[in-house]
Structure formats: structure tokens, C-alpha cells
Amino acid sequence: MQRLYDFLRRHPTWVDSFWAVVLFGLSCASVTNLSGARNYHGSLPAGVAISAVLSVVVALRRRMPETMLLVAVATGLAQLVLDQQPMVADFAMLVIIYTVAADGARWASRVGLIGGLCAGTLSQTRWADHHSSALSTVAIAVFQTVPFTLAWVLGDSFRTRRAYLAQLEERAARLEKEREAQAKVAVAAERARIARELHDVVAHNVSVMVVQADGAAYVLDAAPEQAKKALETISGTGRQALAEMRRLLGVLRTGEHKEAGEYVPQPDVEQIDELVEQCRSAGLPVDFKVEGTPRPLPSGVELTAYRIVQEALTNTRKHGGPNAGASVRLVYFDDGLGLLVEDDGKGAPHELYEEGGADGRGHGLIGMRERVGMVGGTLDAGPRPGGGFRISALLPLKPAH
């Protein structure tokens, strides 16, 4: 039974053909029974022919709605000319008016509406009972017009509803595409963030490891204890770098459950002290001061502050020279956090930091500006008048809207 139902849904013309046969049979029976009456208008052959044509209109209404409408109009005019009074087959006119209103072209819908409005009047004009009053004739004409009007209204409502549903589907598809586009943008932004994080982690920790390795090689024979201490620093720095890189790359994995303690937390302001101590142990003198009252800050602000200090000290080790020193100032304001990192080394050309080179050194300040911009802060970086380099940042507690 279900297979039959599915077949009929896929082939609606078969359903229309069935009802067309039923309509033709009922109409022929009606015409045959009435053909012998004295008050019957028309002939039996004409009635059968008109019934056959209108049955074909019902059978093909979905395949050729506009054409079948014109055929129905022509058949109705033929009824008027041949004086073939209304019959059961005229029900096909209601069906075709509904069809063109729902599925046909706009011009066909208008023609169907006009034809339906005129059908009752033409019928009463042609076959009116001469013994009836004018008011009765008008009332019957209006009554006969109502079914045609309702058929058109029903079909047009179906067309409107279908257009509305199609619009909803289109909007849903468009929103789905927009969500996909936003997801791609979010993925790109996340990859850029991870790239900045990796740059900071690798640049800082590897530079510490290189300095310690060079120092260990230099004092290996003369001072084995210092060499051992340097190697321990290299080992600890390497583990820290691996832990941070594991945390960053872990966000790229899908379908894996994070085990407790698998990834270290993101760095915060409190870890700047550890960062400074690490730089001191690597041979870079750093003066670190905190002004104001320390308090909890948004995680984005804390991570940005840590990365700025990390990048600035990394640049000092790279470009400051052997006798360079640095200072770090952390200032807590009522509405934000201030950072000031300065060094007295020889530094590198400011254009190198801004433009970048083949070794990627120029991405440091670019990454800083992106980080500060993400939290709505400001950054000022450049050479100091007396030599060295200066980085100043203000990170608001609430991003600017």
C-alpha cells in the first residue's frame, strides 16, 4: 500500500487521469438522462464532446496548466454558442482555475480569475429562467460566482504559502552558508592566534636554550658546576617549551578527550616574575617592579601582558648585545594595566622589527600589535633616545566598543 502511495505521489498525472475518467462518466450519465427532457438545452453528441474535452483538461492540468486553461475557456464559449446548458463536467473549470492560481503563470492566474467572475453572469444571461425576477437572477449569478472565486483564492493562497516556504528555505540555506563562512573565519583567526603563541614560545625558549648552551660549552672545562647549571636550565626551558607547545597544538586536535593535567594553563601576569628569573639565569640583567595594587585581570589581558614582556625580553637577548640590561615595569591602574619594557642595548634597526625579514624577526612587533588590538589596548614601540629599545603598552580592563 505504501509503495502504491509513493508511486501516486511521484506520478500525480495518474491521479488526475483517474478523476478525469470519473468526471467523464458522471457527466455522460447526466447528459444522457437529461437529453430526453423537454426543458433540456443542447444535444447529446455535443454534451459528450464537451464532457470529453473538459475531462482532458482535468487529466493534463498539472502538465500544461496555461494551455488547459485556454482549452477550458474555449470549451465554455462553445457551450454558450451551442446552447449546451451547464453539466457535471463544468466542475473542471473550478479545477483548472485553482490549478493556474496555484501553479500557472501570473497572466493565466488573472485570466482564470476574470473567467470565474464572469462565468455566473454569462450562465444566467444565456440560460436564465424567464419566469424568475431580476433580483432572483442576480442572486443566482452571484451564488454561481462564489465557487469560482473560492477556487482562485485557495489556489493563490497555496502559491503564496509555497513561495513563503521557499523563501524560508533560501534564508536557512543562506544562514547556513554564513555560519560556514564565520566558522572558517574563526578557524583562520584561531590559527593566527596559535601562530603568534608558537612564535612567542619558540622564540623565547629557544633563545634561552641557545644562550645557555653557548655558556655551558664555554665553561665546560673551567667550571663544570656552572656548565651543569646551564644544562639544567636548558632542560627546564625545553620542558616548559614542550608543555606550552603541547597545549597550543592540543586545540587543533578533534575527537580526543583531554586528560587532567595534560595541558598547562595559559601564562598570566603572576608568571612574569618567573619569566624574569629565567632571563636573569640566562645572563640578562632584568630589573622588575610592580606598581599599584595587584588584582585579578581578564585572562586575555593577562596572556597579552605576559607575551609582550616575553617578546620584548627575547628581542633584547637577540639584538641588545653582550652587555645589555633591561627593565620591566608593571603598573596597575583603576581601569587598566600598564607595561613598560626598556633595554639599553645596541638594538636592531626599527625597520627590521616592523617589516620583517626572511628569518621572521619582524613578526614580533606585528604580533604584539595584534594582541594589544584584540583586547582594545594601545602599543608604542621604538628606539630610545639614548640607545636601546622601548615598548610601552596600555591594556584596558574592558575592550573599547
Protein backbone atom coordinates (compact mmCIF):
# COMPACT_ATOMS: atom_id res chain seq x y z
CA MET A 1 0.00 0.00 0.00
CA GLN A 2 2.85 2.35 0.85
CA ARG A 3 4.51 1.63 -2.47
CA LEU A 4 1.29 2.50 -4.29
CA TYR A 5 1.03 5.73 -2.31
CA ASP A 6 4.62 6.67 -3.15
CA PHE A 7 4.02 5.87 -6.82
CA LEU A 8 0.95 8.09 -6.98
CA ARG A 9 2.85 10.93 -5.29
CA ARG A 10 5.58 10.69 -7.90
CA HIS A 11 3.06 10.49 -10.75
CA PRO A 12 0.21 12.93 -9.98
CA THR A 13 -0.99 12.81 -13.61
CA TRP A 14 -2.23 9.28 -12.98
CA VAL A 15 -4.39 10.58 -10.14
CA ASP A 16 -5.73 13.39 -12.33
CA SER A 17 -6.47 10.91 -15.12
CA PHE A 18 -8.44 8.72 -12.72
CA TRP A 19 -10.61 11.64 -11.64
CA ALA A 20 -10.95 12.75 -15.24
CA VAL A 21 -12.41 9.34 -16.13
CA VAL A 22 -14.79 9.55 -13.14
CA LEU A 23 -15.85 13.06 -14.16
CA PHE A 24 -16.40 12.00 -17.77
CA GLY A 25 -18.52 9.04 -16.70
CA LEU A 26 -20.70 11.12 -14.36
CA SER A 27 -21.10 13.86 -16.96
CA CYS A 28 -22.09 11.44 -19.75
CA ALA A 29 -24.61 9.77 -17.46
CA SER A 30 -26.07 13.13 -16.52
CA VAL A 31 -26.28 14.31 -20.14
CA THR A 32 -27.88 11.02 -21.24
CA ASN A 33 -30.52 11.20 -18.52
CA LEU A 34 -31.37 14.83 -19.24
CA SER A 35 -31.23 14.69 -23.04
CA GLY A 36 -34.82 13.49 -23.29
CA ALA A 37 -36.30 16.19 -21.05
CA ARG A 38 -38.36 18.95 -22.65
CA ASN A 39 -36.54 21.79 -20.93
CA TYR A 40 -33.06 20.42 -21.77
CA HIS A 41 -30.88 22.70 -23.93
CA GLY A 42 -28.33 21.13 -26.25
CA SER A 43 -27.71 17.82 -27.92
CA LEU A 44 -26.32 14.56 -26.66
CA PRO A 45 -23.27 14.42 -29.03
CA ALA A 46 -22.29 17.99 -28.15
CA GLY A 47 -22.66 17.24 -24.46
CA VAL A 48 -20.49 14.14 -24.71
CA ALA A 49 -17.84 16.01 -26.72
CA ILE A 50 -17.71 18.89 -24.25
CA SER A 51 -17.52 16.42 -21.36
CA ALA A 52 -14.59 14.64 -23.04
CA VAL A 53 -12.70 17.90 -23.60
CA LEU A 54 -13.21 19.08 -20.03
CA SER A 55 -12.13 15.67 -18.73
CA VAL A 56 -8.90 16.03 -20.71
CA VAL A 57 -8.45 19.44 -19.03
CA VAL A 58 -8.57 17.74 -15.63
CA ALA A 59 -6.18 14.98 -16.72
CA LEU A 60 -3.50 17.35 -18.08
CA ARG A 61 -3.94 20.32 -15.74
CA ARG A 62 -0.60 19.85 -13.98
CA ARG A 63 1.42 19.22 -17.10
CA MET A 64 0.08 22.13 -19.13
CA PRO A 65 -1.90 24.44 -16.83
CA GLU A 66 -1.87 27.50 -19.12
CA THR A 67 -2.82 25.51 -22.21
CA MET A 68 -5.60 23.66 -20.40
CA LEU A 69 -6.96 26.99 -19.13
CA LEU A 70 -7.27 28.26 -22.70
CA VAL A 71 -8.93 24.98 -23.70
CA ALA A 72 -11.41 25.34 -20.82
CA VAL A 73 -12.19 28.95 -21.83
CA ALA A 74 -12.76 27.88 -25.42
CA THR A 75 -14.96 24.99 -24.29
CA GLY A 76 -17.04 27.31 -22.12
CA LEU A 77 -17.56 29.70 -25.03
CA ALA A 78 -18.55 26.71 -27.17
CA GLN A 79 -21.17 25.77 -24.57
CA LEU A 80 -22.65 29.25 -24.85
CA VAL A 81 -22.66 29.19 -28.65
CA LEU A 82 -24.06 25.64 -28.90
CA ASP A 83 -26.63 26.33 -26.18
CA GLN A 84 -25.29 23.36 -24.17
CA GLN A 85 -26.53 24.03 -20.66
CA PRO A 86 -24.26 23.52 -17.60
CA MET A 87 -23.30 19.91 -16.82
CA VAL A 88 -21.26 17.92 -14.32
CA ALA A 89 -18.14 18.25 -16.48
CA ASP A 90 -18.13 22.02 -15.87
CA PHE A 91 -16.61 21.19 -12.49
CA ALA A 92 -13.32 21.00 -14.47
CA MET A 93 -13.41 24.81 -14.75
CA LEU A 94 -13.17 25.12 -10.99
CA VAL A 95 -10.27 22.69 -11.00
CA ILE A 96 -8.33 24.50 -13.74
CA ILE A 97 -8.89 27.90 -12.09
CA TYR A 98 -7.43 26.54 -8.86
CA THR A 99 -4.51 24.99 -10.77
CA VAL A 100 -3.46 28.14 -12.64
CA ALA A 101 -3.83 30.21 -9.47
CA ALA A 102 -1.52 27.81 -7.62
CA ASP A 103 0.97 26.71 -10.29
CA GLY A 104 0.38 28.63 -13.51
CA ALA A 105 1.86 31.83 -14.86
CA ARG A 106 0.62 35.11 -13.45
CA TRP A 107 -1.25 36.02 -16.64
CA ALA A 108 -3.02 32.65 -16.57
CA SER A 109 -4.00 33.22 -12.93
CA ARG A 110 -5.52 36.59 -13.82
CA VAL A 111 -7.35 35.14 -16.82
CA GLY A 112 -8.72 32.34 -14.61
CA LEU A 113 -9.96 34.88 -12.04
CA ILE A 114 -11.65 37.03 -14.69
CA GLY A 115 -13.24 33.97 -16.28
CA GLY A 116 -14.51 32.74 -12.93
CA LEU A 117 -16.04 36.11 -12.11
CA CYS A 118 -17.81 36.21 -15.49
CA ALA A 119 -18.97 32.57 -15.54
CA GLY A 120 -22.01 33.00 -13.33
CA THR A 121 -23.23 36.12 -15.12
CA LEU A 122 -22.80 34.55 -18.59
CA SER A 123 -24.58 31.39 -17.45
CA GLN A 124 -27.58 33.30 -16.14
CA THR A 125 -27.66 35.52 -19.19
CA ARG A 126 -27.72 32.51 -21.51
CA TRP A 127 -29.96 30.10 -19.60
CA ALA A 128 -31.95 32.29 -17.22
CA ASP A 129 -35.45 31.28 -16.26
CA HIS A 130 -37.66 33.90 -17.90
CA HIS A 131 -40.30 33.44 -15.20
CA SER A 132 -37.83 34.45 -12.45
CA SER A 133 -37.44 38.03 -11.24
CA ALA A 134 -34.35 40.13 -11.97
CA LEU A 135 -33.34 40.07 -8.31
CA SER A 136 -33.51 36.29 -8.26
CA THR A 137 -31.42 36.08 -11.43
CA VAL A 138 -28.75 38.36 -9.97
CA ALA A 139 -28.69 36.38 -6.72
CA ILE A 140 -28.22 33.11 -8.59
CA ALA A 141 -25.44 34.66 -10.69
CA VAL A 142 -23.62 35.81 -7.57
CA PHE A 143 -24.11 32.41 -5.95
CA GLN A 144 -22.61 30.69 -9.00
CA THR A 145 -19.66 33.09 -8.96
CA VAL A 146 -18.71 32.26 -5.37
CA PRO A 147 -17.25 28.74 -6.06
CA PHE A 148 -15.03 30.09 -8.85
CA THR A 149 -13.79 32.89 -6.59
CA LEU A 150 -13.09 30.50 -3.74
CA ALA A 151 -11.20 28.15 -6.08
CA TRP A 152 -8.97 31.02 -7.22
CA VAL A 153 -8.41 32.31 -3.67
CA LEU A 154 -7.48 28.82 -2.46
CA GLY A 155 -5.01 28.32 -5.31
CA ASP A 156 -3.44 31.75 -4.87
CA SER A 157 -3.10 31.14 -1.12
CA PHE A 158 -1.32 27.87 -1.86
CA ARG A 159 1.05 29.70 -4.22
CA THR A 160 1.77 32.36 -1.59
CA ARG A 161 2.42 29.78 1.11
CA ARG A 162 4.72 27.81 -1.15
CA ALA A 163 6.65 30.99 -2.03
CA TYR A 164 6.93 31.81 1.66
CA LEU A 165 8.28 28.33 2.47
CA ALA A 166 10.74 28.60 -0.42
CA GLN A 167 11.90 31.94 0.97
CA LEU A 168 12.37 30.39 4.40
CA GLU A 169 14.39 27.55 2.89
CA GLU A 170 16.52 30.02 0.96
CA ARG A 171 17.10 32.06 4.09
CA ALA A 172 18.03 28.93 6.04
CA ALA A 173 20.47 27.92 3.30
CA ARG A 174 21.95 31.42 3.27
CA LEU A 175 22.32 31.43 7.05
CA GLU A 176 23.98 28.01 6.87
CA LYS A 177 26.47 29.36 4.33
CA GLU A 178 27.08 32.40 6.53
CA ARG A 179 27.67 30.14 9.53
CA GLU A 180 30.13 28.11 7.50
CA ALA A 181 31.90 31.30 6.42
CA GLN A 182 32.02 32.54 10.02
CA ALA A 183 33.35 29.17 11.11
CA LYS A 184 36.12 29.41 8.50
CA VAL A 185 36.97 32.93 9.68
CA ALA A 186 37.05 31.70 13.27
CA VAL A 187 39.34 28.84 12.29
CA ALA A 188 41.65 31.24 10.46
CA ALA A 189 41.71 33.56 13.48
CA GLU A 190 42.44 30.65 15.78
CA ARG A 191 45.28 29.52 13.55
CA ALA A 192 46.70 33.05 13.55
CA ARG A 193 46.47 33.11 17.35
CA ILE A 194 48.23 29.77 17.60
CA ALA A 195 50.91 31.00 15.20
CA ARG A 196 51.51 34.03 17.44
CA GLU A 197 51.64 31.82 20.52
CA LEU A 198 54.09 29.42 18.88
CA HIS A 199 56.25 32.31 17.74
CA ASP A 200 56.47 33.67 21.27
CA VAL A 201 57.08 30.28 22.87
CA VAL A 202 59.70 29.11 20.40
CA ALA A 203 61.49 32.45 20.05
CA HIS A 204 61.82 32.98 23.79
CA ASN A 205 62.66 29.47 24.97
CA VAL A 206 64.96 28.57 22.13
CA SER A 207 66.91 31.81 22.55
CA VAL A 208 67.36 30.98 26.26
CA MET A 209 68.49 27.48 25.38
CA VAL A 210 71.00 28.77 22.80
CA VAL A 211 72.50 31.26 25.26
CA GLN A 212 72.77 28.62 27.97
CA ALA A 213 74.26 26.10 25.54
CA ASP A 214 76.90 28.58 24.42
CA GLY A 215 77.73 29.41 28.04
CA ALA A 216 77.93 25.74 29.00
CA ALA A 217 80.28 25.00 26.12
CA TYR A 218 82.47 27.97 27.12
CA VAL A 219 82.87 26.99 30.80
CA LEU A 220 82.61 23.20 30.43
CA ASP A 221 86.28 22.58 31.24
CA ALA A 222 86.98 25.52 33.54
CA ALA A 223 83.78 25.49 35.63
CA PRO A 224 81.90 22.17 35.39
CA GLU A 225 79.36 23.24 38.06
CA GLN A 226 78.34 26.29 36.02
CA ALA A 227 78.08 24.12 32.92
CA LYS A 228 75.89 21.67 34.83
CA LYS A 229 73.66 24.51 35.99
CA ALA A 230 73.37 25.78 32.41
CA LEU A 231 72.41 22.33 31.19
CA GLU A 232 69.75 22.10 33.88
CA THR A 233 68.38 25.44 32.73
CA ILE A 234 68.32 24.17 29.15
CA SER A 235 66.46 21.05 30.26
CA GLY A 236 63.88 23.01 32.26
CA THR A 237 63.37 25.54 29.49
CA GLY A 238 62.92 22.79 26.93
CA ARG A 239 60.31 21.05 29.07
CA GLN A 240 58.46 24.31 29.54
CA ALA A 241 58.51 24.98 25.79
CA LEU A 242 57.23 21.48 25.04
CA ALA A 243 54.44 21.85 27.60
CA GLU A 244 53.28 25.14 26.10
CA MET A 245 53.53 23.83 22.56
CA ARG A 246 51.55 20.73 23.58
CA ARG A 247 48.83 22.99 24.99
CA LEU A 248 48.70 25.08 21.82
CA LEU A 249 48.71 22.18 19.41
CA GLY A 250 46.15 20.36 21.52
CA VAL A 251 43.42 22.77 20.43
CA LEU A 252 43.93 21.56 16.88
CA ARG A 253 43.01 18.00 17.79
CA THR A 254 39.45 16.81 17.41
CA GLY A 255 37.71 13.83 18.94
CA GLU A 256 40.24 13.48 21.77
CA HIS A 257 39.44 13.80 25.46
CA LYS A 258 41.80 15.98 27.43
CA GLU A 259 43.21 14.20 30.41
CA ALA A 260 43.61 16.04 33.64
CA GLY A 261 46.93 17.87 33.71
CA GLU A 262 47.68 17.13 30.07
CA TYR A 263 47.94 20.81 29.10
CA VAL A 264 49.41 23.55 31.25
CA PRO A 265 47.28 26.65 31.83
CA GLN A 266 47.85 29.80 29.82
CA PRO A 267 50.53 32.13 31.20
CA ASP A 268 49.34 35.04 33.33
CA VAL A 269 50.75 38.16 34.96
CA GLU A 270 51.99 36.27 38.04
CA GLN A 271 54.28 34.18 35.82
CA ILE A 272 56.12 37.29 34.58
CA ASP A 273 58.27 37.04 37.71
CA GLU A 274 59.29 33.51 36.69
CA LEU A 275 59.98 34.75 33.18
CA VAL A 276 62.25 37.48 34.53
CA GLU A 277 64.12 34.98 36.71
CA GLN A 278 64.61 32.74 33.71
CA CYS A 279 66.12 35.61 31.77
CA ARG A 280 68.38 36.51 34.69
CA SER A 281 69.60 32.93 34.89
CA ALA A 282 70.32 33.10 31.17
CA GLY A 283 72.64 36.06 31.78
CA LEU A 284 70.38 39.03 31.05
CA PRO A 285 70.13 41.52 33.93
CA VAL A 286 66.48 42.49 34.37
CA ASP A 287 65.03 44.99 36.83
CA PHE A 288 61.39 44.10 37.58
CA LYS A 289 58.96 46.30 39.52
CA VAL A 290 55.22 46.20 40.13
CA GLU A 291 53.36 49.41 40.94
CA GLY A 292 49.81 49.68 42.18
CA THR A 293 47.68 47.03 43.83
CA PRO A 294 47.75 43.64 42.02
CA ARG A 295 44.31 42.17 41.38
CA PRO A 296 42.74 39.53 39.09
CA LEU A 297 42.55 40.57 35.45
CA PRO A 298 40.72 39.16 32.40
CA SER A 299 42.55 36.14 31.03
CA GLY A 300 43.05 37.84 27.64
CA VAL A 301 44.73 40.85 29.29
CA GLU A 302 46.99 38.63 31.41
CA LEU A 303 48.08 36.49 28.47
CA THR A 304 48.74 39.60 26.34
CA ALA A 305 50.85 41.19 29.09
CA TYR A 306 52.89 38.03 29.53
CA ARG A 307 53.52 37.63 25.80
CA ILE A 308 54.54 41.27 25.39
CA VAL A 309 57.13 41.00 28.16
CA GLN A 310 58.31 37.66 26.78
CA GLU A 311 58.75 39.03 23.25
CA ALA A 312 60.44 42.21 24.45
CA LEU A 313 63.00 40.32 26.55
CA THR A 314 63.57 37.86 23.70
CA ASN A 315 64.36 40.78 21.37
CA THR A 316 66.73 42.24 23.96
CA ARG A 317 68.70 38.98 24.10
CA LYS A 318 68.77 38.77 20.30
CA HIS A 319 69.69 42.33 19.43
CA GLY A 320 70.84 44.04 22.64
CA GLY A 321 74.40 42.83 22.60
CA PRO A 322 76.54 41.12 25.27
CA ASN A 323 76.29 43.84 27.95
CA ALA A 324 72.63 44.78 27.56
CA GLY A 325 70.28 45.08 30.50
CA ALA A 326 66.53 45.50 30.68
CA SER A 327 63.83 46.80 32.98
CA VAL A 328 60.20 45.75 33.27
CA ARG A 329 57.52 47.92 34.88
CA LEU A 330 54.04 46.59 35.59
CA VAL A 331 51.55 49.28 36.66
CA TYR A 332 48.02 48.56 37.89
CA PHE A 333 45.61 51.41 37.11
CA ASP A 334 41.97 51.64 38.11
CA ASP A 335 40.83 50.93 34.55
CA GLY A 336 43.70 49.01 33.05
CA LEU A 337 47.20 47.58 33.16
CA GLY A 338 50.32 49.45 32.03
CA LEU A 339 53.51 47.81 30.73
CA LEU A 340 56.90 49.39 30.16
CA VAL A 341 59.84 47.30 28.93
CA GLU A 342 63.15 49.06 28.17
CA ASP A 343 66.69 47.95 27.42
CA ASP A 344 70.00 49.75 27.00
CA GLY A 345 71.48 47.53 24.32
CA LYS A 346 72.54 48.48 20.84
CA GLY A 347 69.24 47.07 19.45
CA ALA A 348 68.34 46.40 15.84
CA PRO A 349 67.00 48.84 13.23
CA HIS A 350 63.35 49.70 13.91
CA GLU A 351 62.52 48.89 10.25
CA LEU A 352 63.67 45.32 10.81
CA TYR A 353 61.11 44.85 13.57
CA GLU A 354 58.28 46.40 11.60
CA GLU A 355 58.90 45.00 8.13
CA GLY A 356 60.20 41.56 8.97
CA GLY A 357 62.74 39.51 7.13
CA ALA A 358 63.43 36.05 5.89
CA ASP A 359 64.07 34.85 9.40
CA GLY A 360 60.71 36.04 10.64
CA ARG A 361 62.16 38.55 13.15
CA GLY A 362 59.79 41.27 12.04
CA HIS A 363 56.74 39.36 13.21
CA GLY A 364 57.46 40.13 16.87
CA LEU A 365 56.10 43.68 16.96
CA ILE A 366 53.36 42.77 14.49
CA GLY A 367 52.20 40.02 16.84
CA MET A 368 52.35 42.46 19.78
CA ARG A 369 50.15 44.99 17.98
CA GLU A 370 47.65 42.28 17.06
CA ARG A 371 47.48 41.04 20.64
CA VAL A 372 47.04 44.53 22.07
CA GLY A 373 44.42 45.34 19.44
CA MET A 374 42.43 42.23 20.36
CA VAL A 375 41.96 43.49 23.93
CA GLY A 376 41.34 47.09 22.84
CA GLY A 377 44.67 48.48 24.09
CA THR A 378 47.42 50.70 22.69
CA LEU A 379 51.08 49.96 21.98
CA ASP A 380 54.04 52.26 21.45
CA ALA A 381 57.38 50.76 20.43
CA GLY A 382 60.59 52.26 19.13
CA PRO A 383 64.26 53.12 19.82
CA ARG A 384 65.12 55.10 22.95
CA PRO A 385 66.82 58.47 22.53
CA GLY A 386 69.91 57.34 24.49
CA GLY A 387 70.10 53.93 22.85
CA GLY A 388 68.27 50.70 23.26
CA PHE A 389 64.63 49.94 22.69
CA ARG A 390 61.42 50.83 24.48
CA ILE A 391 58.00 49.13 24.45
CA SER A 392 55.01 50.71 26.20
CA ALA A 393 51.51 49.23 26.31
CA LEU A 394 48.23 50.09 27.99
CA LEU A 395 45.72 47.25 28.31
CA PRO A 396 42.22 48.28 29.38
CA LEU A 397 40.16 46.01 31.60
CA LYS A 398 37.19 46.38 29.26
CA PRO A 399 37.66 46.41 25.45
CA ALA A 400 36.56 49.56 23.66
CA HIS A 401 33.29 49.29 21.71
